[in-house]
Protein backbone atom coordinates (compact mmCIF):
# COMPACT_ATOMS: atom_id res chain seq x y z
CA MET A 1 63.82 342.60 209.61
CA ALA A 2 62.03 345.90 209.56
CA SER A 3 58.40 345.78 209.10
CA VAL A 4 55.63 347.56 207.02
CA LEU A 5 54.51 350.04 209.95
CA ASP A 6 58.64 351.01 210.69
CA PHE A 7 58.76 351.92 207.20
CA ASP A 8 55.42 354.10 207.02
CA ARG A 9 56.31 355.71 210.57
CA TYR A 10 59.83 356.75 208.80
CA HIS A 11 58.27 356.87 205.61
CA ASP A 12 58.90 360.87 205.68
CA GLN A 13 62.31 360.78 207.27
CA LEU A 14 63.53 358.10 204.35
CA ASP A 15 62.36 360.20 201.62
CA ARG A 16 63.94 363.30 202.56
CA GLN A 17 67.17 361.23 203.22
CA LEU A 18 67.34 359.37 200.08
CA LEU A 19 68.03 362.46 197.97
CA ARG A 20 69.31 365.27 200.29
CA ARG A 21 67.30 368.10 198.62
CA ILE A 22 64.91 370.55 199.93
CA GLY A 23 64.01 371.60 196.38
CA TYR A 24 62.32 374.38 195.79
CA THR A 25 63.19 377.20 198.52
CA ASN A 26 61.51 380.54 197.17
CA GLY A 27 64.33 381.98 196.47
CA LEU A 28 65.16 382.52 200.10
CA HIS A 29 69.07 383.48 200.24
CA LYS A 30 69.58 384.53 203.60
CA ILE A 31 70.87 381.41 205.74
CA HIS A 32 70.35 382.96 209.24
CA ARG A 33 66.77 384.57 208.74
CA PHE A 34 66.05 380.69 209.86
CA VAL A 35 68.14 381.55 213.35
CA ARG A 36 65.49 384.16 213.83
CA VAL A 37 62.25 382.30 212.93
CA ALA A 38 63.47 379.53 215.28
CA GLU A 39 63.50 382.54 218.05
CA TYR A 40 59.98 384.34 217.01
CA LEU A 41 58.63 380.55 216.74
CA TYR A 42 60.09 380.04 220.33
CA ALA A 43 58.08 382.58 222.50
CA ILE A 44 54.72 381.44 220.75
CA MET A 45 54.40 377.94 220.39
CA PRO A 46 52.75 376.04 219.83
CA THR A 47 50.73 378.01 217.21
CA SER A 48 50.16 377.38 213.02
CA ALA A 49 52.08 378.33 210.26
CA ARG A 50 49.54 381.35 209.41
CA VAL A 51 50.07 382.91 212.72
CA LEU A 52 53.77 382.43 212.93
CA ALA A 53 53.87 383.65 209.12
CA GLN A 54 52.60 387.19 210.33
CA VAL A 55 55.14 387.13 213.08
CA ILE A 56 57.60 386.78 210.36
CA ILE A 57 56.11 389.46 208.25
CA ALA A 58 56.16 391.97 211.19
CA GLU A 59 59.63 391.12 212.87
CA GLU A 60 61.61 391.01 209.53
CA ASN A 61 60.12 394.46 208.01
CA LYS A 62 61.35 396.02 211.44
CA ILE A 63 64.56 395.25 210.92
CA MET A 64 65.06 395.39 207.56
CA VAL A 65 67.62 398.45 205.85
CA GLU A 66 66.37 401.32 204.67
CA GLY A 67 65.04 401.44 201.09
CA ALA A 68 64.46 397.40 201.05
CA ARG A 69 61.49 395.93 200.04
CA GLN A 70 59.01 394.89 202.37
CA LEU A 71 58.13 391.87 203.12
CA LYS A 72 53.49 391.52 202.51
CA GLY A 73 51.26 388.71 202.00
CA SER A 74 51.55 385.86 203.80
CA LYS A 75 53.34 383.13 200.69
CA TYR A 76 56.80 384.14 201.35
CA ALA A 77 56.73 384.45 205.26
CA LEU A 78 55.17 380.49 204.62
CA GLY A 79 57.71 379.49 202.06
CA ILE A 80 60.20 380.82 205.17
CA VAL A 81 58.17 378.01 207.53
CA ASP A 82 58.50 375.94 205.08
CA VAL A 83 62.23 375.58 204.39
CA ALA A 84 62.84 376.21 208.20
CA GLN A 85 60.74 372.83 208.57
CA ALA A 86 62.82 370.68 206.08
CA LEU A 87 66.01 372.14 208.30
CA THR A 88 64.46 370.17 210.92
CA LEU A 89 63.98 373.80 212.85
CA ILE A 90 60.87 373.19 213.21
CA GLU A 91 58.15 370.40 213.27
CA LYS A 92 54.30 370.04 213.21
CA PHE A 93 51.71 368.03 215.16
CA GLY A 94 48.43 367.81 213.71
CA PRO A 95 47.71 371.83 212.90
CA LYS A 96 50.46 373.24 215.36
CA LEU A 97 54.13 374.10 214.75
CA SER A 98 56.90 374.01 217.42
CA LEU A 99 60.68 373.76 217.55
CA SER A 100 62.33 370.20 216.87
CA SER A 101 64.83 369.10 219.62
CA GLN A 102 67.30 370.66 216.75
CA GLY A 103 65.31 373.63 216.59
CA TYR A 104 65.88 374.23 220.93
CA ALA A 105 69.50 373.85 219.60
CA CYS A 106 69.45 376.88 217.31
CA HIS A 107 67.83 378.99 220.54
CA ALA A 108 70.07 377.29 222.84
CA LEU A 109 73.19 378.26 220.41
CA ASN A 110 71.75 381.41 219.75
CA GLN A 111 70.76 382.73 223.87
CA CYS A 112 73.98 380.98 225.62
CA GLY A 113 76.34 383.36 224.59
CA PHE A 114 77.77 380.74 221.83
CA SER A 115 80.26 382.17 219.25
CA GLN A 116 79.03 383.10 215.56
CA SER A 117 81.43 380.02 214.40
CA ALA A 118 79.53 377.82 216.69
CA LEU A 119 76.20 379.24 215.08
CA ASP A 120 77.57 379.05 211.68
CA ALA A 121 79.01 375.33 211.99
CA PHE A 122 74.87 374.15 213.05
CA LEU A 123 73.78 376.12 210.24
CA LEU A 124 76.07 374.04 207.82
CA GLU A 125 75.83 370.93 209.30
CA LYS A 126 71.43 371.41 209.16
CA THR A 127 71.84 372.26 205.28
CA ILE A 128 74.19 369.26 204.56
CA GLU A 129 71.79 367.15 206.30
CA ALA A 130 68.43 368.85 204.85
CA ASP A 131 70.12 369.75 201.44
CA GLY A 132 73.74 368.20 201.04
CA GLU A 133 73.66 366.78 197.68
CA CYS A 134 72.06 369.96 196.51
CA THR A 135 74.35 372.30 198.10
CA LEU A 136 77.49 370.46 197.70
CA ASN A 137 77.47 369.37 194.30
CA ILE A 138 76.84 373.53 193.62
CA LEU A 139 79.72 373.72 195.64
CA GLN A 140 81.68 371.20 193.29
CA LEU A 141 80.50 372.52 190.31
CA VAL A 142 82.01 376.18 191.87
CA LYS A 143 85.43 374.31 192.66
CA GLU A 144 85.81 372.98 188.74
CA GLY A 145 85.22 376.33 187.25
CA ALA A 146 81.09 376.54 186.24
CA LEU A 147 80.27 380.07 186.53
CA GLU A 148 76.80 381.12 185.01
CA LEU A 149 73.46 379.92 186.81
CA LEU A 150 72.40 378.31 183.44
CA ASP A 151 75.53 376.27 183.30
CA ILE A 152 75.45 375.50 187.22
CA GLY A 153 71.77 374.39 187.15
CA SER A 154 71.63 372.44 183.95
CA THR A 155 75.01 370.12 184.98
CA LEU A 156 73.17 370.16 188.82
CA MET A 157 70.28 368.33 187.53
CA SER A 158 72.26 366.09 185.63
CA ARG A 159 74.13 365.23 188.30
CA LEU A 160 71.23 364.79 190.80
CA LEU A 161 69.24 362.69 188.05
CA ALA A 162 72.60 360.71 187.62
CA ASN A 163 72.72 360.12 191.89
CA ILE A 164 68.66 359.14 191.49
CA ASP A 165 70.02 356.65 188.86
CA PHE A 166 73.20 355.71 190.92
CA LYS A 167 70.70 354.91 193.81
CA LEU A 168 68.38 352.67 192.02
CA ARG A 169 71.19 350.46 191.12
CA TRP A 170 72.29 350.33 195.24
CA ALA A 171 68.91 349.79 195.99
CA ALA A 172 68.48 346.74 193.27
CA GLU A 173 71.62 344.98 194.29
CA CYS A 174 72.24 345.24 197.67
CA ILE A 175 68.76 345.13 199.54
CA ASP A 176 67.57 341.45 199.57
CA ASP A 177 64.11 342.33 201.35
CA ARG A 178 61.94 343.01 198.22
CA PHE A 179 59.58 344.92 200.13
CA SER A 180 62.37 347.30 201.66
CA GLN A 181 63.92 347.28 198.10
CA LEU A 182 60.30 348.33 196.48
CA ALA A 183 59.56 351.15 199.34
CA VAL A 184 63.29 352.57 198.47
CA THR A 185 63.11 352.59 194.51
CA THR A 186 59.26 354.19 194.82
CA LEU A 187 60.53 356.82 196.68
CA LEU A 188 63.63 357.24 194.21
CA THR A 189 61.35 356.97 191.24
CA ASP A 190 58.85 359.52 192.43
CA ALA A 191 62.08 362.16 193.01
CA GLN A 192 63.69 361.24 189.25
CA LYS A 193 60.08 362.09 188.21
CA THR A 194 59.81 364.95 190.14
CA LEU A 195 63.35 366.19 188.89
CA GLN A 196 62.56 365.29 185.44
CA ARG A 197 59.28 367.63 185.35
CA ALA A 198 61.20 370.54 186.51
CA VAL A 199 63.79 370.76 184.03
CA THR A 200 60.99 369.79 181.24
CA PRO A 201 58.83 372.87 180.24
CA PRO A 202 55.32 372.53 179.39
CA LYS A 203 55.10 372.01 174.93
CA SER A 204 52.56 374.55 175.41
CA TYR A 205 54.81 376.98 177.04
CA VAL A 206 55.18 380.73 175.72
CA GLY A 207 57.77 383.42 176.82
CA LYS A 208 60.39 382.82 179.39
CA SER A 209 61.41 379.42 179.71
CA PRO A 210 60.37 378.03 183.43
CA VAL A 211 63.50 375.93 183.45
CA GLU A 212 65.53 379.74 183.60
CA PHE A 213 63.77 380.50 186.61
CA PHE A 214 63.63 376.91 188.04
CA TYR A 215 67.84 377.80 188.12
CA LYS A 216 67.63 380.91 189.52
CA HIS A 217 65.39 379.89 192.39
CA THR A 218 67.57 376.80 193.02
CA VAL A 219 71.01 377.48 192.48
CA ASN A 220 71.35 381.33 193.65
CA PRO A 221 69.88 381.10 197.00
CA ARG A 222 72.64 378.15 198.00
CA LEU A 223 75.03 380.08 196.51
CA GLU A 224 74.37 382.74 198.95
CA TRP A 225 74.10 380.16 202.26
CA LEU A 226 77.55 379.03 201.00
CA GLU A 227 78.78 382.33 201.40
CA ASP A 228 77.40 383.28 204.41
CA LEU A 229 78.73 380.19 205.79
CA GLY A 230 81.86 380.60 204.66
CA CYS A 231 82.45 377.98 202.08
CA LEU A 232 82.63 380.36 199.28
CA GLU A 233 83.73 383.96 198.48
CA SER A 234 82.56 386.79 195.73
CA ALA A 235 85.55 387.03 193.42
CA SER A 236 85.74 389.74 190.60
CA ARG A 237 83.12 390.01 188.79
CA GLY A 238 80.80 389.06 191.46
CA TYR A 239 81.42 385.20 190.35
CA PRO A 240 82.45 383.03 193.60
CA THR A 241 84.97 381.09 194.19
CA VAL A 242 85.71 377.98 196.76
CA THR A 243 87.40 378.94 199.76
CA GLU A 244 90.01 377.07 202.06
CA ARG A 245 86.86 375.87 204.27
CA GLY A 246 84.77 374.72 200.79
CA ILE A 247 88.06 373.03 199.67
CA ASN A 248 88.53 370.50 202.84
CA LEU A 249 84.87 370.50 203.26
CA LEU A 250 84.76 368.57 199.59
CA SER A 251 88.15 366.99 200.34
CA GLU A 252 86.38 365.10 203.42
CA ILE A 253 83.68 363.82 201.29
CA LYS A 254 86.29 361.94 199.22
CA VAL A 255 87.49 360.74 201.69
CA LEU A 256 84.61 359.05 202.78
CA GLY A 257 83.55 357.95 199.62
CA GLY A 258 80.89 360.31 198.66
CA VAL A 259 81.70 360.88 195.28
CA HIS A 260 81.03 358.54 192.47
CA ALA A 261 81.90 359.41 188.80
CA ASP A 262 81.39 363.37 189.18
CA PHE A 263 78.59 363.65 191.36
CA ILE A 264 78.31 363.92 195.32
CA PHE A 265 76.04 361.84 197.19
CA LEU A 266 75.16 361.46 200.96
CA PRO A 267 74.36 358.47 202.90
CA LEU A 268 71.68 356.95 205.02
CA ASP A 269 71.53 358.23 209.04
CA SER A 270 72.75 355.58 210.30
CA TRP A 271 70.36 355.23 212.80
CA LEU A 272 67.88 355.00 210.34
CA ALA A 273 69.66 352.40 207.72
CA ASP A 274 69.85 349.81 211.09
CA HIS A 275 66.17 350.11 212.51
CA LEU A 276 64.88 349.86 208.48
CA SER A 277 67.59 346.97 207.88
CA LEU A 278 68.81 349.20 204.83
CA PRO A 279 72.28 348.74 203.97
CA SER A 280 74.35 352.23 204.22
CA LEU A 281 75.87 353.73 201.05
CA TYR A 282 79.14 355.07 202.39
CA ARG A 283 81.68 351.87 204.01
CA GLY A 284 82.09 350.92 207.19
CA GLU A 285 81.84 353.64 209.92
CA SER A 286 82.20 356.64 207.29
CA ALA A 287 78.28 357.58 207.82
CA ASN A 288 78.23 357.81 211.35
CA ASP A 289 77.73 361.35 212.41
CA PHE A 290 78.89 362.33 208.70
CA ALA A 291 77.24 365.68 208.51
CA TRP A 292 79.35 366.77 211.78
CA ARG A 293 82.52 364.93 210.75
CA LEU A 294 82.37 367.24 207.44
CA VAL A 295 81.57 370.83 209.17
CA ALA A 296 84.84 369.43 211.79
CA SER A 297 86.93 369.25 208.48
CA ALA A 298 86.02 372.37 206.89
CA GLN A 299 87.58 373.90 209.87
CA ASP A 300 90.51 371.41 210.09
CA LEU A 301 91.63 368.93 207.18
CA GLN A 302 92.28 366.48 209.66
CA PRO A 303 89.24 366.93 212.55
CA LYS A 304 90.34 365.27 215.67
CA PHE A 305 87.62 363.63 217.86
CA SER A 306 86.34 365.81 220.69
CA HIS A 307 87.16 364.84 224.58
CA ILE A 308 84.61 366.98 226.01
CA CYS A 309 83.22 363.69 227.56
CA ASP A 310 85.97 362.58 229.18
CA ASN A 311 85.12 365.23 232.71
CA HIS A 312 81.79 363.92 233.28
CA THR A 313 81.94 366.58 236.18
CA ASP A 314 82.60 369.48 233.59
CA LEU A 315 79.90 367.96 231.23
CA LEU A 316 77.35 367.89 233.77
CA GLU A 317 77.87 371.48 234.52
CA GLN A 318 78.13 372.15 230.67
CA ILE A 319 74.49 370.89 230.73
CA LYS A 320 73.31 372.82 233.53
CA ILE A 321 73.88 375.56 232.26
CA LEU A 322 72.49 374.40 228.75
CA TYR A 323 69.49 373.15 230.67
CA PRO A 324 67.03 376.13 230.63
CA ALA A 325 67.18 376.66 226.78
CA VAL A 326 66.77 373.58 225.99
CA LYS A 327 64.46 372.01 228.08
CA LEU A 328 60.55 371.40 226.31
CA ALA A 329 58.08 374.32 226.81
CA ASN A 330 55.82 373.13 229.79
CA PHE A 331 57.98 370.39 231.18
CA ASN A 332 60.88 370.21 233.15
CA GLU A 333 62.59 367.56 230.76
CA ALA A 334 64.94 367.93 227.90
CA ASP A 335 65.78 365.67 224.44
CA ALA A 336 69.92 364.70 225.06
CA LEU A 337 69.79 365.35 221.32
CA SER A 338 69.27 369.20 221.89
CA ILE A 339 72.23 369.33 224.00
CA TYR A 340 74.42 366.98 221.91
CA GLU A 341 73.50 369.08 218.69
CA VAL A 342 74.94 372.68 220.91
CA LEU A 343 78.52 371.03 221.90
CA ALA A 344 78.49 369.10 218.63
CA ALA A 345 78.32 372.85 216.94
CA ARG A 346 81.04 374.21 219.12
CA GLU A 347 83.25 371.33 218.77
CA ALA A 348 83.23 371.26 214.74
CA SER A 349 83.52 374.99 215.07
CA GLU A 350 86.78 374.25 216.22
CA GLY A 351 87.62 371.37 214.04
CA ARG A 352 86.69 368.36 217.00
CA LEU A 353 83.88 365.62 216.43
CA LEU A 354 81.60 364.61 218.97
CA ALA A 355 80.46 361.16 218.18
CA HIS A 356 76.74 361.30 219.09
CA VAL A 357 76.55 357.25 220.16
CA GLY A 358 79.46 358.00 222.61
CA PHE A 359 77.53 360.78 223.58
CA ASP A 360 74.43 359.28 224.84
CA GLN A 361 76.43 356.64 226.60
CA VAL A 362 78.15 359.30 228.82
CA ILE A 363 74.84 360.59 229.32
CA SER A 364 73.93 357.35 230.70
CA GLN A 365 76.60 357.14 233.03
CA LEU A 366 76.12 360.71 234.19
CA VAL A 367 72.56 359.35 235.22
CA GLU A 368 74.19 356.56 237.30
CA GLU A 369 77.16 358.68 238.60
CA PHE A 370 75.33 362.03 239.86
CA PRO A 371 72.01 360.39 240.30
CA SER A 372 71.25 363.60 242.86
CA ASP A 373 71.32 366.31 239.78
CA ILE A 374 70.42 364.08 236.56
CA PHE A 375 67.74 361.12 235.86
CA LYS A 376 66.44 359.43 232.34
CA LEU A 377 63.48 359.46 231.42
CA THR A 378 62.29 356.98 228.64
CA LYS A 379 62.14 358.16 224.75
CA ARG A 380 59.05 360.44 223.99
CA ARG A 381 59.64 360.06 220.40
CA GLY A 382 61.45 359.43 217.72
CA THR A 383 65.33 357.87 218.61
CA GLY A 384 65.29 361.11 221.75
CA LEU A 385 66.66 360.03 224.97
CA TYR A 386 65.06 362.51 227.11
CA ILE A 387 66.58 363.75 230.54
CA ALA A 388 65.65 366.24 233.26
CA LEU A 389 67.72 367.82 235.92
CA LYS A 390 66.42 367.56 239.71
CA ARG A 391 68.06 370.82 240.58
CA SER A 392 67.64 372.82 237.60
CA ALA A 393 68.83 376.73 237.30
């Protein structure tokens, strides 16, 4: 049974996964901007959020098309940093920012000649992991025919609140340990109150509805993210329609058991659920690698399992190619998770699923088979398996 210390250590991670929703995105409409943010940070980390914000302002203004509105002040740029952190590309150690394991993977995808489709698969997976219950419910609403901003926004909030009610019942019925149940229900209740405040304007408020403003900055950015990632396309009168990729993705969620009544819900990460002794919200093995499974299904409605781990010699060569881009700054070691995320993105972009547990097992086998090339390190942080190459490029 998980301890109080376990829940304290993984409090933030559990909070994010109980309702996969970033929240207010500061009107950040371009999902590919976060790839550039990872590159800006890579060159200067570790650094503070304010220094990174100033770099973002300077670099983004250089590439603005003529006539576009220039970034001014640090507030908007700090918002970009916050969303990049919510997408797990950036992590914080005390006052300093650096790339996370996922951020290193993003850097490798950007630097090692991978296709745009692989990078988009990576971004779609990160969006599902961090914001899936918001973004995917918007996708479902568009598929159902919702077109107007206020209609999408109000129905979305109703579905997110219904999602929380569903999970509160799940916690009451399925979590036996009283402390664990209290920890989960407290986080869900806090999320419920946050949403209710967002859609309930103060009685004293006069003028344009703050709720409409909230919907605008909640719905519009995600519609553009979905379009940039190939799940929506613009149609007549400027209204979006769901693409074949989007329809495939929604179909796979239903197959996994992630649709209840009229809303989409996503599970806890399998590792976190096991570590905290919590039941899964999905049946059987459906929660394993669920986000990568959805991304692969968007490309191919019946995704196949990847076979890149079958040939260990070839896999080691691929790791050697990626290693310089993912090894930690100032250390000759890399998180195997970073390598996994790069390869999983490439495979998913071609309709194949690379299982994480199987990949970690193969890494352990590589260490035994090629001791002169690779060795395994103890875990430095979180769930990561760290490796080092003895003869790196």
